[in-house]
Each structure stands twice: as C-alpha cells, then as structure tokens.
Amino acid sequence: MKRTDRSLITSEIDQLTRRYQLLVGRLARTGWISQGSVLHEPPRAWRWTRKVKAKTVTVALSAQQAALMKQAIRNQRALDELIDEMRQISQKIILGTLPGVSRRKPRSA
C-alpha cells in the first residue's frame, strides 16, 4: 500500500483511537454545564449574565448558586475544548484511513 500525505499508519490510528476514547471518558464525567459569566456586585449580590437570542439576560444568584454556576461555566469551557479535540481526531481518522476521490490531472495549455 502506498502511503500518501493523508494516510495514517496503524500505530498512528491506534494512538488517535486511544486518545479519542480517553476524551469520551472525560466527556461522560463532565458535570453541570452553563454558558455566560458570574460577577460579584457588593454587598452580597451575585449576577449571572448570558446571551439569549442576541439579548443580554441577567439573573440574581445566591452565593451558593454563584459558586455552582461558576463551576458549570468552567465545565462548559472545558467541554468546548474537549469537543474541538474530538472533532479534530475524527476528521484526521476519516480522511487518513479511507480512500478519497481521485483528483483530476491538471489540463495542459
């Protein structure tokens, strides 16, 4: 089999597959998720702000809600990074292990 720029060898496929399975496990362990930001506005006032249909929406939170919402926002950001890496691995495996279309030879003038 001729190796092209895009083709992967078995060890690369195995390594990418192991990494992907590790990411799947992390995905399953992701806790609560949320978007937005949490800000403290003294005295004892917490605000959760996010966009809904291109409008900024703000909700008052208790200190306990704010702490959990901050963690959910951190989880969301980690999840976004995790999914980006999973997408990159998926594309690399698909393009590097299956035959693609034949390219046309350039026309001579």
Protein backbone atom coordinates (compact mmCIF):
# COMPACT_ATOMS: atom_id res chain seq x y z
CA MET A 1 0.00 0.00 0.00
CA LYS A 2 1.37 3.38 -0.98
CA ARG A 3 1.40 5.96 1.81
CA THR A 4 0.05 9.36 0.82
CA ASP A 5 0.27 12.63 2.71
CA ARG A 6 -3.05 11.90 4.37
CA SER A 7 -2.78 8.19 5.08
CA LEU A 8 -2.14 7.06 8.64
CA ILE A 9 -0.12 4.08 9.75
CA THR A 10 -1.56 1.59 12.22
CA SER A 11 0.35 2.99 15.20
CA GLU A 12 -1.00 6.49 14.49
CA ILE A 13 -4.54 5.16 14.20
CA ASP A 14 -4.15 3.25 17.48
CA GLN A 15 -2.76 6.31 19.25
CA LEU A 16 -5.55 8.57 17.96
CA THR A 17 -8.19 5.97 18.87
CA ARG A 18 -6.83 5.67 22.42
CA ARG A 19 -6.81 9.46 22.80
CA TYR A 20 -10.37 9.66 21.48
CA GLN A 21 -11.56 7.01 23.96
CA LEU A 22 -9.90 8.93 26.79
CA LEU A 23 -11.77 12.05 25.71
CA VAL A 24 -15.05 10.10 25.57
CA GLY A 25 -14.46 9.08 29.18
CA ARG A 26 -13.83 12.69 30.18
CA LEU A 27 -16.98 13.71 28.34
CA ALA A 28 -19.01 11.22 30.39
CA ARG A 29 -17.62 12.67 33.63
CA THR A 30 -18.45 16.30 32.78
CA GLY A 31 -20.62 17.84 35.48
CA TRP A 32 -23.19 20.58 35.13
CA ILE A 33 -22.65 22.95 32.22
CA SER A 34 -23.70 26.52 31.51
CA GLN A 35 -22.73 29.49 29.42
CA GLY A 36 -22.30 33.08 30.49
CA SER A 37 -20.42 34.72 33.32
CA VAL A 38 -20.88 35.25 37.04
CA LEU A 39 -19.98 38.56 38.63
CA HIS A 40 -19.98 39.68 42.24
CA GLU A 41 -21.64 43.01 42.90
CA PRO A 42 -21.20 44.07 46.54
CA PRO A 43 -22.65 43.72 49.05
CA ARG A 44 -23.54 40.02 48.78
CA ALA A 45 -25.06 40.26 45.30
CA TRP A 46 -24.14 37.82 42.54
CA ARG A 47 -25.18 38.19 38.91
CA TRP A 48 -25.22 35.57 36.16
CA THR A 49 -25.20 37.12 32.70
CA ARG A 50 -25.64 35.39 29.36
CA LYS A 51 -26.93 36.00 25.83
CA VAL A 52 -30.36 34.71 24.83
CA LYS A 53 -31.49 35.41 21.27
CA ALA A 54 -28.94 38.23 20.90
CA LYS A 55 -30.11 39.91 24.13
CA THR A 56 -28.19 40.05 27.40
CA VAL A 57 -30.10 38.40 30.24
CA THR A 58 -29.08 38.81 33.89
CA VAL A 59 -30.25 36.77 36.87
CA ALA A 60 -29.54 37.45 40.55
CA LEU A 61 -27.91 34.50 42.36
CA SER A 62 -27.24 33.44 45.91
CA ALA A 63 -23.63 32.78 46.89
CA GLN A 64 -24.25 29.01 46.64
CA GLN A 65 -25.84 29.35 43.21
CA ALA A 66 -22.97 31.57 42.07
CA ALA A 67 -20.35 29.03 43.15
CA LEU A 68 -22.09 26.18 41.31
CA MET A 69 -22.78 28.36 38.25
CA LYS A 70 -19.08 29.35 38.07
CA GLN A 71 -18.13 25.67 38.07
CA ALA A 72 -20.75 24.93 35.39
CA ILE A 73 -19.27 27.69 33.22
CA ARG A 74 -15.75 26.27 33.70
CA ASN A 75 -17.13 22.85 32.75
CA GLN A 76 -18.72 24.31 29.61
CA ARG A 77 -15.41 25.83 28.51
CA ALA A 78 -13.57 22.56 29.13
CA LEU A 79 -16.30 20.71 27.23
CA ASP A 80 -15.89 23.06 24.25
CA GLU A 81 -12.14 22.30 24.16
CA LEU A 82 -12.80 18.57 24.53
CA ILE A 83 -15.27 18.53 21.64
CA ASP A 84 -12.88 20.53 19.45
CA GLU A 85 -10.16 17.93 20.02
CA MET A 86 -12.60 15.06 19.40
CA ARG A 87 -13.65 16.72 16.13
CA GLN A 88 -10.03 17.10 15.01
CA ILE A 89 -9.27 13.45 15.77
CA SER A 90 -12.42 12.30 13.98
CA GLN A 91 -11.54 14.27 10.86
CA LYS A 92 -7.96 13.01 10.87
CA ILE A 93 -9.10 9.37 11.16
CA ILE A 94 -11.79 9.71 8.48
CA LEU A 95 -9.51 11.48 5.99
CA GLY A 96 -6.45 9.37 6.81
CA THR A 97 -7.93 5.88 6.77
CA LEU A 98 -10.47 5.81 3.97
CA PRO A 99 -9.84 6.27 0.26
CA GLY A 100 -10.75 9.66 -1.12
CA VAL A 101 -11.81 10.73 -4.57
CA SER A 102 -9.31 10.65 -7.41
CA ARG A 103 -8.01 14.05 -8.32
CA ARG A 104 -8.09 15.20 -11.90
CA LYS A 105 -4.86 15.74 -13.66
CA PRO A 106 -4.28 19.41 -14.46
CA ARG A 107 -5.14 20.33 -18.01
CA SER A 108 -2.22 21.27 -20.15
CA ALA A 109 -2.49 24.51 -22.07
